[in-house]
PDB file of N, CA and C in Angstrom:
ATOM      1  N   MET A   1       0.852  -1.163   0.000  1.00  0.00           N
ATOM      2  CA  MET A   1       0.000   0.000   0.000  1.00  0.00           C
ATOM      3  C   MET A   1       0.902   1.232   0.000  1.00  0.00           C
ATOM      4  N   LEU A   2       0.480   2.249  -0.696  1.00  0.00           N
ATOM      5  CA  LEU A   2       1.227   3.497  -0.742  1.00  0.00           C
ATOM      6  C   LEU A   2       0.443   4.556   0.026  1.00  0.00           C
ATOM      7  N   PHE A   3       1.058   5.105   1.053  1.00  0.00           N
ATOM      8  CA  PHE A   3       0.437   6.146   1.874  1.00  0.00           C
ATOM      9  C   PHE A   3       1.007   7.480   1.405  1.00  0.00           C
ATOM     10  N   THR A   4       0.126   8.395   0.989  1.00  0.00           N
ATOM     11  CA  THR A   4       0.579   9.718   0.556  1.00  0.00           C
ATOM     12  C   THR A   4      -0.071  10.784   1.423  1.00  0.00           C
ATOM     13  N   GLY A   5       0.655  11.863   1.633  1.00  0.00           N
ATOM     14  CA  GLY A   5       0.115  12.965   2.415  1.00  0.00           C
ATOM     15  C   GLY A   5       1.195  13.956   2.758  1.00  0.00           C
ATOM     16  N   TYR A   6       0.900  14.788   3.721  1.00  0.00           N
ATOM     17  CA  TYR A   6       1.844  15.797   4.190  1.00  0.00           C
ATOM     18  C   TYR A   6       2.294  15.450   5.596  1.00  0.00           C
ATOM     19  N   GLY A   7       3.587  15.558   5.827  1.00  0.00           N
ATOM     20  CA  GLY A   7       4.128  15.114   7.099  1.00  0.00           C
ATOM     21  C   GLY A   7       5.084  16.089   7.735  1.00  0.00           C
ATOM     22  N   GLN A   8       5.290  15.851   9.005  1.00  0.00           N
ATOM     23  CA  GLN A   8       6.228  16.604   9.822  1.00  0.00           C
ATOM     24  C   GLN A   8       6.880  15.648  10.799  1.00  0.00           C
ATOM     25  N   LYS A   9       8.013  16.066  11.333  1.00  0.00           N
ATOM     26  CA  LYS A   9       8.671  15.331  12.406  1.00  0.00           C
ATOM     27  C   LYS A   9       8.344  16.069  13.697  1.00  0.00           C
ATOM     28  N   PHE A  10       7.957  15.314  14.721  1.00  0.00           N
ATOM     29  CA  PHE A  10       7.551  15.887  15.995  1.00  0.00           C
ATOM     30  C   PHE A  10       8.426  15.370  17.126  1.00  0.00           C
ATOM     31  N   SER A  11       8.709  16.230  18.068  1.00  0.00           N
ATOM     32  CA  SER A  11       9.429  15.829  19.272  1.00  0.00           C
ATOM     33  C   SER A  11       8.508  14.973  20.136  1.00  0.00           C
ATOM     34  N   THR A  12       9.085  13.936  20.750  1.00  0.00           N
ATOM     35  CA  THR A  12       8.329  13.107  21.689  1.00  0.00           C
ATOM     36  C   THR A  12       8.752  13.364  23.138  1.00  0.00           C
ATOM     37  N   ARG A  13       9.655  14.307  23.342  1.00  0.00           N
ATOM     38  CA  ARG A  13      10.101  14.616  24.706  1.00  0.00           C
ATOM     39  C   ARG A  13       8.936  15.161  25.525  1.00  0.00           C
ATOM     40  N   ASN A  14       8.777  14.630  26.702  1.00  0.00           N
ATOM     41  CA  ASN A  14       7.726  15.047  27.632  1.00  0.00           C
ATOM     42  C   ASN A  14       6.333  14.929  27.022  1.00  0.00           C
ATOM     43  N   ALA A  15       6.158  14.010  26.074  1.00  0.00           N
ATOM     44  CA  ALA A  15       4.865  13.731  25.442  1.00  0.00           C
ATOM     45  C   ALA A  15       4.251  14.948  24.742  1.00  0.00           C
ATOM     46  N   VAL A  16       5.088  15.878  24.255  1.00  0.00           N
ATOM     47  CA  VAL A  16       4.572  17.078  23.587  1.00  0.00           C
ATOM     48  C   VAL A  16       3.985  16.770  22.211  1.00  0.00           C
ATOM     49  N   GLN A  17       4.239  15.581  21.684  1.00  0.00           N
ATOM     50  CA  GLN A  17       3.753  15.245  20.351  1.00  0.00           C
ATOM     51  C   GLN A  17       2.233  15.207  20.281  1.00  0.00           C
ATOM     52  N   TYR A  18       1.562  14.901  21.384  1.00  0.00           N
ATOM     53  CA  TYR A  18       0.111  14.766  21.341  1.00  0.00           C
ATOM     54  C   TYR A  18      -0.565  16.080  20.969  1.00  0.00           C
ATOM     55  N   ASP A  19      -0.200  17.149  21.621  1.00  0.00           N
ATOM     56  CA  ASP A  19      -0.785  18.456  21.294  1.00  0.00           C
ATOM     57  C   ASP A  19      -0.350  18.922  19.914  1.00  0.00           C
ATOM     58  N   ALA A  20       0.923  18.715  19.566  1.00  0.00           N
ATOM     59  CA  ALA A  20       1.434  19.167  18.268  1.00  0.00           C
ATOM     60  C   ALA A  20       0.775  18.394  17.122  1.00  0.00           C
ATOM     61  N   ILE A  21       0.662  17.080  17.258  1.00  0.00           N
ATOM     62  CA  ILE A  21       0.012  16.290  16.214  1.00  0.00           C
ATOM     63  C   ILE A  21      -1.482  16.623  16.167  1.00  0.00           C
ATOM     64  N   GLY A  22      -2.090  16.878  17.320  1.00  0.00           N
ATOM     65  CA  GLY A  22      -3.498  17.290  17.359  1.00  0.00           C
ATOM     66  C   GLY A  22      -3.722  18.593  16.601  1.00  0.00           C
ATOM     67  N   ALA A  23      -2.816  19.546  16.754  1.00  0.00           N
ATOM     68  CA  ALA A  23      -2.917  20.818  16.028  1.00  0.00           C
ATOM     69  C   ALA A  23      -2.736  20.589  14.521  1.00  0.00           C
ATOM     70  N   PHE A  24      -1.826  19.688  14.153  1.00  0.00           N
ATOM     71  CA  PHE A  24      -1.618  19.333  12.753  1.00  0.00           C
ATOM     72  C   PHE A  24      -2.901  18.719  12.183  1.00  0.00           C
ATOM     73  N   TRP A  25      -3.521  17.826  12.929  1.00  0.00           N
ATOM     74  CA  TRP A  25      -4.797  17.234  12.517  1.00  0.00           C
ATOM     75  C   TRP A  25      -5.847  18.328  12.316  1.00  0.00           C
ATOM     76  N   ASP A  26      -5.924  19.278  13.236  1.00  0.00           N
ATOM     77  CA  ASP A  26      -6.917  20.355  13.125  1.00  0.00           C
ATOM     78  C   ASP A  26      -6.710  21.164  11.844  1.00  0.00           C
ATOM     79  N   ARG A  27      -5.448  21.493  11.539  1.00  0.00           N
ATOM     80  CA  ARG A  27      -5.148  22.253  10.313  1.00  0.00           C
ATOM     81  C   ARG A  27      -5.558  21.476   9.066  1.00  0.00           C
ATOM     82  N   MET A  28      -5.176  20.214   9.022  1.00  0.00           N
ATOM     83  CA  MET A  28      -5.503  19.395   7.856  1.00  0.00           C
ATOM     84  C   MET A  28      -7.013  19.149   7.751  1.00  0.00           C
ATOM     85  N   SER A  29      -7.675  18.990   8.889  1.00  0.00           N
ATOM     86  CA  SER A  29      -9.116  18.749   8.896  1.00  0.00           C
ATOM     87  C   SER A  29      -9.892  19.954   8.385  1.00  0.00           C
ATOM     88  N   GLU A  30      -9.412  21.149   8.683  1.00  0.00           N
ATOM     89  CA  GLU A  30     -10.069  22.359   8.176  1.00  0.00           C
ATOM     90  C   GLU A  30     -10.069  22.375   6.652  1.00  0.00           C
ATOM     91  N   ARG A  31      -9.008  21.883   6.056  1.00  0.00           N
ATOM     92  CA  ARG A  31      -8.881  21.871   4.587  1.00  0.00           C
ATOM     93  C   ARG A  31      -9.592  20.710   3.923  1.00  0.00           C
ATOM     94  N   PHE A  32      -9.496  19.523   4.530  1.00  0.00           N
ATOM     95  CA  PHE A  32      -9.931  18.313   3.844  1.00  0.00           C
ATOM     96  C   PHE A  32     -11.061  17.557   4.535  1.00  0.00           C
ATOM     97  N   GLY A  33     -11.409  17.927   5.750  1.00  0.00           N
ATOM     98  CA  GLY A  33     -12.432  17.214   6.506  1.00  0.00           C
ATOM     99  C   GLY A  33     -11.857  16.018   7.245  1.00  0.00           C
ATOM    100  N   ARG A  34     -12.005  16.010   8.543  1.00  0.00           N
ATOM    101  CA  ARG A  34     -11.436  14.957   9.391  1.00  0.00           C
ATOM    102  C   ARG A  34     -11.867  13.555   8.936  1.00  0.00           C
ATOM    103  N   GLU A  35     -13.127  13.447   8.516  1.00  0.00           N
ATOM    104  CA  GLU A  35     -13.647  12.138   8.122  1.00  0.00           C
ATOM    105  C   GLU A  35     -12.999  11.597   6.847  1.00  0.00           C
ATOM    106  N   ASN A  36     -12.280  12.445   6.111  1.00  0.00           N
ATOM    107  CA  ASN A  36     -11.625  12.027   4.867  1.00  0.00           C
ATOM    108  C   ASN A  36     -10.152  11.674   5.043  1.00  0.00           C
ATOM    109  N   LEU A  37      -9.632  11.832   6.254  1.00  0.00           N
ATOM    110  CA  LEU A  37      -8.192  11.723   6.475  1.00  0.00           C
ATOM    111  C   LEU A  37      -7.811  10.538   7.361  1.00  0.00           C
ATOM    112  N   ARG A  38      -6.545  10.184   7.273  1.00  0.00           N
ATOM    113  CA  ARG A  38      -5.939   9.212   8.179  1.00  0.00           C
ATOM    114  C   ARG A  38      -4.512   9.675   8.453  1.00  0.00           C
ATOM    115  N   GLY A  39      -3.992   9.295   9.593  1.00  0.00           N
ATOM    116  CA  GLY A  39      -2.641   9.699   9.977  1.00  0.00           C
ATOM    117  C   GLY A  39      -1.741   8.492  10.150  1.00  0.00           C
ATOM    118  N   LEU A  40      -0.496   8.649   9.717  1.00  0.00           N
ATOM    119  CA  LEU A  40       0.493   7.576   9.795  1.00  0.00           C
ATOM    120  C   LEU A  40       1.632   8.002  10.697  1.00  0.00           C
ATOM    121  N   GLY A  41       1.859   7.254  11.766  1.00  0.00           N
ATOM    122  CA  GLY A  41       3.012   7.456  12.637  1.00  0.00           C
ATOM    123  C   GLY A  41       4.042   6.386  12.348  1.00  0.00           C
ATOM    124  N   PHE A  42       5.314   6.782  12.245  1.00  0.00           N
ATOM    125  CA  PHE A  42       6.387   5.829  11.947  1.00  0.00           C
ATOM    126  C   PHE A  42       7.726   6.493  12.238  1.00  0.00           C
ATOM    127  N   GLY A  43       8.788   5.724  12.096  1.00  0.00           N
ATOM    128  CA  GLY A  43      10.139   6.289  12.215  1.00  0.00           C
ATOM    129  C   GLY A  43      10.472   6.834  13.588  1.00  0.00           C
ATOM    130  N   TRP A  44       9.988   6.170  14.630  1.00  0.00           N
ATOM    131  CA  TRP A  44      10.269   6.625  15.984  1.00  0.00           C
ATOM    132  C   TRP A  44      11.773   6.565  16.271  1.00  0.00           C
ATOM    133  N   THR A  45      12.249   7.583  16.949  1.00  0.00           N
ATOM    134  CA  THR A  45      13.582   7.564  17.527  1.00  0.00           C
ATOM    135  C   THR A  45      13.397   7.792  19.015  1.00  0.00           C
ATOM    136  N   GLU A  46      14.474   7.953  19.725  1.00  0.00           N
ATOM    137  CA  GLU A  46      14.367   8.225  21.158  1.00  0.00           C
ATOM    138  C   GLU A  46      13.631   9.537  21.427  1.00  0.00           C
ATOM    139  N   ASP A  47      13.728  10.501  20.489  1.00  0.00           N
ATOM    140  CA  ASP A  47      13.189  11.842  20.723  1.00  0.00           C
ATOM    141  C   ASP A  47      12.160  12.326  19.713  1.00  0.00           C
ATOM    142  N   THR A  48      11.877  11.544  18.660  1.00  0.00           N
ATOM    143  CA  THR A  48      10.995  12.051  17.604  1.00  0.00           C
ATOM    144  C   THR A  48      10.081  10.969  17.052  1.00  0.00           C
ATOM    145  N   ILE A  49       9.066  11.416  16.347  1.00  0.00           N
ATOM    146  CA  ILE A  49       8.182  10.572  15.552  1.00  0.00           C
ATOM    147  C   ILE A  49       7.921  11.318  14.250  1.00  0.00           C
ATOM    148  N   GLU A  50       7.840  10.568  13.163  1.00  0.00           N
ATOM    149  CA  GLU A  50       7.397  11.145  11.897  1.00  0.00           C
ATOM    150  C   GLU A  50       5.910  10.870  11.784  1.00  0.00           C
ATOM    151  N   TYR A  51       5.160  11.872  11.317  1.00  0.00           N
ATOM    152  CA  TYR A  51       3.719  11.734  11.234  1.00  0.00           C
ATOM    153  C   TYR A  51       3.235  12.370   9.940  1.00  0.00           C
ATOM    154  N   VAL A  52       2.471  11.596   9.158  1.00  0.00           N
ATOM    155  CA  VAL A  52       1.955  12.044   7.870  1.00  0.00           C
ATOM    156  C   VAL A  52       0.437  11.934   7.893  1.00  0.00           C
ATOM    157  N   ILE A  53      -0.235  12.960   7.390  1.00  0.00           N
ATOM    158  CA  ILE A  53      -1.691  12.926   7.265  1.00  0.00           C
ATOM    159  C   ILE A  53      -2.038  12.953   5.782  1.00  0.00           C
ATOM    160  N   GLY A  54      -2.874  11.988   5.377  1.00  0.00           N
ATOM    161  CA  GLY A  54      -3.282  11.876   3.979  1.00  0.00           C
ATOM    162  C   GLY A  54      -4.707  11.379   3.871  1.00  0.00           C
ATOM    163  N   PRO A  55      -5.192  11.229   2.659  1.00  0.00           N
ATOM    164  CA  PRO A  55      -6.581  10.802   2.462  1.00  0.00           C
ATOM    165  C   PRO A  55      -6.800   9.338   2.824  1.00  0.00           C
ATOM    166  N   LYS A  56      -7.994   9.017   3.288  1.00  0.00           N
ATOM    167  CA  LYS A  56      -8.345   7.620   3.566  1.00  0.00           C
ATOM    168  C   LYS A  56      -8.335   6.806   2.286  1.00  0.00           C
ATOM    169  N   GLU A  57      -8.731   7.426   1.204  1.00  0.00           N
ATOM    170  CA  GLU A  57      -8.784   6.733  -0.079  1.00  0.00           C
ATOM    171  C   GLU A  57      -8.064   7.563  -1.126  1.00  0.00           C
ATOM    172  N   GLY A  58      -7.384   6.894  -2.024  1.00  0.00           N
ATOM    173  CA  GLY A  58      -6.696   7.591  -3.099  1.00  0.00           C
ATOM    174  C   GLY A  58      -5.399   8.223  -2.635  1.00  0.00           C
ATOM    175  N   ASP A  59      -4.888   9.109  -3.471  1.00  0.00           N
ATOM    176  CA  ASP A  59      -3.619   9.776  -3.192  1.00  0.00           C
ATOM    177  C   ASP A  59      -3.839  11.260  -2.922  1.00  0.00           C
ATOM    178  N   MET A  60      -2.942  11.848  -2.174  1.00  0.00           N
ATOM    179  CA  MET A  60      -2.953  13.289  -1.922  1.00  0.00           C
ATOM    180  C   MET A  60      -2.224  13.970  -3.081  1.00  0.00           C
ATOM    181  N   ASP A  61      -2.780  15.024  -3.582  1.00  0.00           N
ATOM    182  CA  ASP A  61      -2.164  15.798  -4.664  1.00  0.00           C
ATOM    183  C   ASP A  61      -0.940  16.534  -4.118  1.00  0.00           C
ATOM    184  N   PRO A  62       0.251  16.252  -4.658  1.00  0.00           N
ATOM    185  CA  PRO A  62       1.462  16.896  -4.135  1.00  0.00           C
ATOM    186  C   PRO A  62       1.521  18.404  -4.403  1.00  0.00           C
ATOM    187  N   SER A  63       0.685  18.914  -5.287  1.00  0.00           N
ATOM    188  CA  SER A  63       0.722  20.347  -5.594  1.00  0.00           C
ATOM    189  C   SER A  63      -0.114  21.191  -4.626  1.00  0.00           C
ATOM    190  N   LEU A  64      -0.851  20.562  -3.730  1.00  0.00           N
ATOM    191  CA  LEU A  64      -1.714  21.306  -2.811  1.00  0.00           C
ATOM    192  C   LEU A  64      -0.923  22.123  -1.797  1.00  0.00           C
ATOM    193  N   GLY A  65       0.174  21.568  -1.323  1.00  0.00           N
ATOM    194  CA  GLY A  65       0.993  22.247  -0.325  1.00  0.00           C
ATOM    195  C   GLY A  65       0.338  22.276   1.045  1.00  0.00           C
ATOM    196  N   CYS A  66       1.159  22.327   2.057  1.00  0.00           N
ATOM    197  CA  CYS A  66       0.690  22.425   3.434  1.00  0.00           C
ATOM    198  C   CYS A  66       1.777  23.129   4.229  1.00  0.00           C
ATOM    199  N   GLU A  67       1.460  24.284   4.756  1.00  0.00           N
ATOM    200  CA  GLU A  67       2.444  25.089   5.489  1.00  0.00           C
ATOM    201  C   GLU A  67       3.096  24.296   6.618  1.00  0.00           C
ATOM    202  N   GLY A  68       4.412  24.278   6.630  1.00  0.00           N
ATOM    203  CA  GLY A  68       5.168  23.605   7.676  1.00  0.00           C
ATOM    204  C   GLY A  68       5.317  22.111   7.498  1.00  0.00           C
ATOM    205  N   ALA A  69       4.756  21.555   6.418  1.00  0.00           N
ATOM    206  CA  ALA A  69       4.823  20.108   6.188  1.00  0.00           C
ATOM    207  C   ALA A  69       5.354  19.847   4.781  1.00  0.00           C
ATOM    208  N   VAL A  70       5.833  18.630   4.577  1.00  0.00           N
ATOM    209  CA  VAL A  70       6.352  18.230   3.272  1.00  0.00           C
ATOM    210  C   VAL A  70       5.539  17.056   2.737  1.00  0.00           C
ATOM    211  N   TYR A  71       5.406  17.011   1.425  1.00  0.00           N
ATOM    212  CA  TYR A  71       4.693  15.915   0.774  1.00  0.00           C
ATOM    213  C   TYR A  71       5.518  14.643   0.916  1.00  0.00           C
ATOM    214  N   ARG A  72       4.847  13.549   1.277  1.00  0.00           N
ATOM    215  CA  ARG A  72       5.537  12.272   1.482  1.00  0.00           C
ATOM    216  C   ARG A  72       4.768  11.152   0.794  1.00  0.00           C
ATOM    217  N   GLN A  73       5.507  10.150   0.353  1.00  0.00           N
ATOM    218  CA  GLN A  73       4.960   8.884  -0.123  1.00  0.00           C
ATOM    219  C   GLN A  73       5.691   7.790   0.637  1.00  0.00           C
ATOM    220  N   ILE A  74       4.936   6.969   1.354  1.00  0.00           N
ATOM    221  CA  ILE A  74       5.529   5.907   2.158  1.00  0.00           C
ATOM    222  C   ILE A  74       4.932   4.575   1.711  1.00  0.00           C
ATOM    223  N   SER A  75       5.793   3.648   1.338  1.00  0.00           N
ATOM    224  CA  SER A  75       5.359   2.313   0.955  1.00  0.00           C
ATOM    225  C   SER A  75       5.182   1.479   2.219  1.00  0.00           C
ATOM    226  N   LEU A  76       3.987   0.918   2.408  1.00  0.00           N
ATOM    227  CA  LEU A  76       3.653   0.146   3.600  1.00  0.00           C
ATOM    228  C   LEU A  76       3.263  -1.279   3.211  1.00  0.00           C
ATOM    229  N   PRO A  77       3.445  -2.215   4.119  1.00  0.00           N
ATOM    230  CA  PRO A  77       2.994  -3.590   3.853  1.00  0.00           C
ATOM    231  C   PRO A  77       1.473  -3.640   3.697  1.00  0.00           C
ATOM    232  N   ASP A  78       0.991  -4.544   2.877  1.00  0.00           N
ATOM    233  CA  ASP A  78      -0.446  -4.690   2.672  1.00  0.00           C
ATOM    234  C   ASP A  78      -1.126  -5.514   3.768  1.00  0.00           C
ATOM    235  N   ASP A  79      -0.375  -6.395   4.420  1.00  0.00           N
ATOM    236  CA  ASP A  79      -0.995  -7.267   5.415  1.00  0.00           C
ATOM    237  C   ASP A  79      -0.210  -7.241   6.722  1.00  0.00           C
ATOM    238  N   GLY A  80      -0.738  -7.964   7.703  1.00  0.00           N
ATOM    239  CA  GLY A  80      -0.076  -8.036   9.004  1.00  0.00           C
ATOM    240  C   GLY A  80      -0.465  -6.931   9.964  1.00  0.00           C
ATOM    241  N   TRP A  81      -1.523  -6.198   9.670  1.00  0.00           N
ATOM    242  CA  TRP A  81      -1.979  -5.100  10.519  1.00  0.00           C
ATOM    243  C   TRP A  81      -2.943  -5.623  11.582  1.00  0.00           C
ATOM    244  N   ILE A  82      -2.875  -5.048  12.772  1.00  0.00           N
ATOM    245  CA  ILE A  82      -3.796  -5.368  13.864  1.00  0.00           C
ATOM    246  C   ILE A  82      -4.676  -4.144  14.085  1.00  0.00           C
ATOM    247  N   ARG A  83      -5.970  -4.372  14.225  1.00  0.00           N
ATOM    248  CA  ARG A  83      -6.955  -3.291  14.312  1.00  0.00           C
ATOM    249  C   ARG A  83      -7.458  -3.103  15.746  1.00  0.00           C
ATOM    250  N   TYR A  84      -7.485  -1.836  16.178  1.00  0.00           N
ATOM    251  CA  TYR A  84      -8.061  -1.448  17.463  1.00  0.00           C
ATOM    252  C   TYR A  84      -9.097  -0.366  17.198  1.00  0.00           C
ATOM    253  N   THR A  85     -10.177  -0.369  17.948  1.00  0.00           N
ATOM    254  CA  THR A  85     -11.180   0.692  17.838  1.00  0.00           C
ATOM    255  C   THR A  85     -11.506   1.208  19.227  1.00  0.00           C
ATOM    256  N   GLY A  86     -11.978   2.443  19.268  1.00  0.00           N
ATOM    257  CA  GLY A  86     -12.340   3.038  20.543  1.00  0.00           C
ATOM    258  C   GLY A  86     -12.888   4.436  20.356  1.00  0.00           C
ATOM    259  N   ARG A  87     -12.774   5.206  21.418  1.00  0.00           N
ATOM    260  CA  ARG A  87     -13.251   6.586  21.439  1.00  0.00           C
ATOM    261  C   ARG A  87     -12.041   7.503  21.621  1.00  0.00           C
ATOM    262  N   THR A  88     -12.066   8.624  20.952  1.00  0.00           N
ATOM    263  CA  THR A  88     -10.953   9.564  21.024  1.00  0.00           C
ATOM    264  C   THR A  88     -10.658   9.974  22.472  1.00  0.00           C
ATOM    265  N   GLU A  89     -11.690  10.157  23.264  1.00  0.00           N
ATOM    266  CA  GLU A  89     -11.471  10.563  24.657  1.00  0.00           C
ATOM    267  C   GLU A  89     -10.802   9.465  25.483  1.00  0.00           C
ATOM    268  N   ASN A  90     -10.766   8.244  24.972  1.00  0.00           N
ATOM    269  CA  ASN A  90     -10.127   7.131  25.672  1.00  0.00           C
ATOM    270  C   ASN A  90      -8.796   6.717  25.041  1.00  0.00           C
ATOM    271  N   LEU A  91      -8.195   7.604  24.246  1.00  0.00           N
ATOM    272  CA  LEU A  91      -6.938   7.267  23.571  1.00  0.00           C
ATOM    273  C   LEU A  91      -5.828   6.815  24.516  1.00  0.00           C
ATOM    274  N   PRO A  92      -5.626   7.468  25.667  1.00  0.00           N
ATOM    275  CA  PRO A  92      -4.537   7.006  26.549  1.00  0.00           C
ATOM    276  C   PRO A  92      -4.681   5.530  26.931  1.00  0.00           C
ATOM    277  N   GLU A  93      -5.895   5.108  27.269  1.00  0.00           N
ATOM    278  CA  GLU A  93      -6.113   3.712  27.639  1.00  0.00           C
ATOM    279  C   GLU A  93      -5.925   2.791  26.430  1.00  0.00           C
ATOM    280  N   LEU A  94      -6.385   3.230  25.264  1.00  0.00           N
ATOM    281  CA  LEU A  94      -6.225   2.432  24.047  1.00  0.00           C
ATOM    282  C   LEU A  94      -4.750   2.253  23.713  1.00  0.00           C
ATOM    283  N   TYR A  95      -3.969   3.324  23.843  1.00  0.00           N
ATOM    284  CA  TYR A  95      -2.541   3.209  23.568  1.00  0.00           C
ATOM    285  C   TYR A  95      -1.812   2.402  24.637  1.00  0.00           C
ATOM    286  N   ASP A  96      -2.281   2.428  25.885  1.00  0.00           N
ATOM    287  CA  ASP A  96      -1.704   1.538  26.902  1.00  0.00           C
ATOM    288  C   ASP A  96      -1.859   0.084  26.458  1.00  0.00           C
ATOM    289  N   GLU A  97      -3.033  -0.257  25.949  1.00  0.00           N
ATOM    290  CA  GLU A  97      -3.292  -1.610  25.459  1.00  0.00           C
ATOM    291  C   GLU A  97      -2.391  -1.942  24.271  1.00  0.00           C
ATOM    292  N   ILE A  98      -2.263  -1.023  23.347  1.00  0.00           N
ATOM    293  CA  ILE A  98      -1.458  -1.244  22.137  1.00  0.00           C
ATOM    294  C   ILE A  98       0.015  -1.442  22.491  1.00  0.00           C
ATOM    295  N   TYR A  99       0.555  -0.589  23.339  1.00  0.00           N
ATOM    296  CA  TYR A  99       1.995  -0.611  23.611  1.00  0.00           C
ATOM    297  C   TYR A  99       2.421  -1.651  24.646  1.00  0.00           C
ATOM    298  N   LYS A 100       1.466  -2.327  25.283  1.00  0.00           N
ATOM    299  CA  LYS A 100       1.847  -3.335  26.278  1.00  0.00           C
ATOM    300  C   LYS A 100       2.661  -4.461  25.655  1.00  0.00           C
ATOM    301  N   ASP A 101       2.514  -4.666  24.342  1.00  0.00           N
ATOM    302  CA  ASP A 101       3.255  -5.722  23.650  1.00  0.00           C
ATOM    303  C   ASP A 101       4.509  -5.210  22.945  1.00  0.00           C
ATOM    304  N   GLY A 102       4.898  -3.968  23.216  1.00  0.00           N
ATOM    305  CA  GLY A 102       6.144  -3.459  22.671  1.00  0.00           C
ATOM    306  C   GLY A 102       5.974  -2.369  21.624  1.00  0.00           C
ATOM    307  N   PRO A 103       7.109  -1.908  21.098  1.00  0.00           N
ATOM    308  CA  PRO A 103       7.103  -0.789  20.146  1.00  0.00           C
ATOM    309  C   PRO A 103       6.498  -1.177  18.795  1.00  0.00           C
ATOM    310  N   LEU A 104       6.153  -0.149  18.024  1.00  0.00           N
ATOM    311  CA  LEU A 104       5.521  -0.319  16.728  1.00  0.00           C
ATOM    312  C   LEU A 104       6.461   0.075  15.602  1.00  0.00           C
ATOM    313  N   LEU A 105       6.201  -0.465  14.430  1.00  0.00           N
ATOM    314  CA  LEU A 105       6.845   0.018  13.210  1.00  0.00           C
ATOM    315  C   LEU A 105       5.986   1.118  12.583  1.00  0.00           C
ATOM    316  N   TYR A 106       4.654   0.879  12.594  1.00  0.00           N
ATOM    317  CA  TYR A 106       3.710   1.821  11.989  1.00  0.00           C
ATOM    318  C   TYR A 106       2.419   1.847  12.780  1.00  0.00           C
ATOM    319  N   GLU A 107       1.759   3.005  12.734  1.00  0.00           N
ATOM    320  CA  GLU A 107       0.392   3.113  13.220  1.00  0.00           C
ATOM    321  C   GLU A 107      -0.366   3.983  12.234  1.00  0.00           C
ATOM    322  N   ILE A 108      -1.580   3.581  11.909  1.00  0.00           N
ATOM    323  CA  ILE A 108      -2.451   4.384  11.052  1.00  0.00           C
ATOM    324  C   ILE A 108      -3.696   4.699  11.861  1.00  0.00           C
ATOM    325  N   GLU A 109      -3.961   5.986  12.044  1.00  0.00           N
ATOM    326  CA  GLU A 109      -5.076   6.443  12.862  1.00  0.00           C
ATOM    327  C   GLU A 109      -6.134   7.108  11.989  1.00  0.00           C
ATOM    328  N   THR A 110      -7.405   6.821  12.301  1.00  0.00           N
ATOM    329  CA  THR A 110      -8.515   7.559  11.711  1.00  0.00           C
ATOM    330  C   THR A 110      -9.417   8.012  12.841  1.00  0.00           C
ATOM    331  N   PHE A 111      -9.960   9.213  12.692  1.00  0.00           N
ATOM    332  CA  PHE A 111     -10.828   9.810  13.701  1.00  0.00           C
ATOM    333  C   PHE A 111     -12.103  10.291  13.043  1.00  0.00           C
ATOM    334  N   GLY A 112     -13.239   9.945  13.633  1.00  0.00           N
ATOM    335  CA  GLY A 112     -14.524  10.384  13.103  1.00  0.00           C
ATOM    336  C   GLY A 112     -15.025  11.616  13.825  1.00  0.00           C
ATOM    337  N   GLU A 113     -15.939  12.300  13.195  1.00  0.00           N
ATOM    338  CA  GLU A 113     -16.553  13.476  13.820  1.00  0.00           C
ATOM    339  C   GLU A 113     -17.368  13.075  15.054  1.00  0.00           C
ATOM    340  N   ASP A 114     -17.730  11.783  15.153  1.00  0.00           N
ATOM    341  CA  ASP A 114     -18.502  11.285  16.296  1.00  0.00           C
ATOM    342  C   ASP A 114     -17.609  10.860  17.458  1.00  0.00           C
ATOM    343  N   SER A 115     -16.311  11.181  17.386  1.00  0.00           N
ATOM    344  CA  SER A 115     -15.306  10.851  18.408  1.00  0.00           C
ATOM    345  C   SER A 115     -14.884   9.387  18.403  1.00  0.00           C
ATOM    346  N   GLY A 116     -15.333   8.620  17.423  1.00  0.00           N
ATOM    347  CA  GLY A 116     -14.842   7.253  17.279  1.00  0.00           C
ATOM    348  C   GLY A 116     -13.473   7.270  16.617  1.00  0.00           C
ATOM    349  N   CYS A 117     -12.670   6.258  16.896  1.00  0.00           N
ATOM    350  CA  CYS A 117     -11.345   6.184  16.266  1.00  0.00           C
ATOM    351  C   CYS A 117     -10.999   4.736  15.961  1.00  0.00           C
ATOM    352  N   GLU A 118     -10.125   4.579  14.966  1.00  0.00           N
ATOM    353  CA  GLU A 118      -9.605   3.271  14.602  1.00  0.00           C
ATOM    354  C   GLU A 118      -8.103   3.414  14.471  1.00  0.00           C
ATOM    355  N   ILE A 119      -7.381   2.454  15.015  1.00  0.00           N
ATOM    356  CA  ILE A 119      -5.925   2.456  14.928  1.00  0.00           C
ATOM    357  C   ILE A 119      -5.489   1.105  14.392  1.00  0.00           C
ATOM    358  N   LEU A 120      -4.758   1.145  13.293  1.00  0.00           N
ATOM    359  CA  LEU A 120      -4.144  -0.048  12.725  1.00  0.00           C
ATOM    360  C   LEU A 120      -2.673   0.004  13.085  1.00  0.00           C
ATOM    361  N   ILE A 121      -2.132  -1.112  13.571  1.00  0.00           N
ATOM    362  CA  ILE A 121      -0.726  -1.121  13.953  1.00  0.00           C
ATOM    363  C   ILE A 121       0.008  -2.259  13.260  1.00  0.00           C
ATOM    364  N   ARG A 122       1.295  -2.083  13.151  1.00  0.00           N
ATOM    365  CA  ARG A 122       2.162  -3.148  12.641  1.00  0.00           C
ATOM    366  C   ARG A 122       3.453  -3.091  13.426  1.00  0.00           C
ATOM    367  N   ARG A 123       3.879  -4.242  13.923  1.00  0.00           N
ATOM    368  CA  ARG A 123       5.122  -4.329  14.686  1.00  0.00           C
ATOM    369  C   ARG A 123       6.216  -4.846  13.791  1.00  0.00           C
TER     370      ARG A 123
END
């Protein structure tokens, strides 16, 4: 699968990535609608995460531009994903469940306007 969208690298020190990625989601949602987007987290280091937001279906047009972000294309495996669902307000508990089995290679997040969320992970 090819994931396309606009991405940034975020600091993970002191868990600041949550607010920063949330603000990135808000900016992208204003342009494209939250229900049309998905986010990809990958490339974790001790201090950073790479995060790309793109369309749930199809490809993102590289000519659209996004202030502070760069257009990315990431090739992902087609299978081997594990699916979790929940509510956005319960994300900390959902991520506790996800990370109890160790670090991830990739996570794909989708958020609905009804506060529902789906997270696909691959280790």
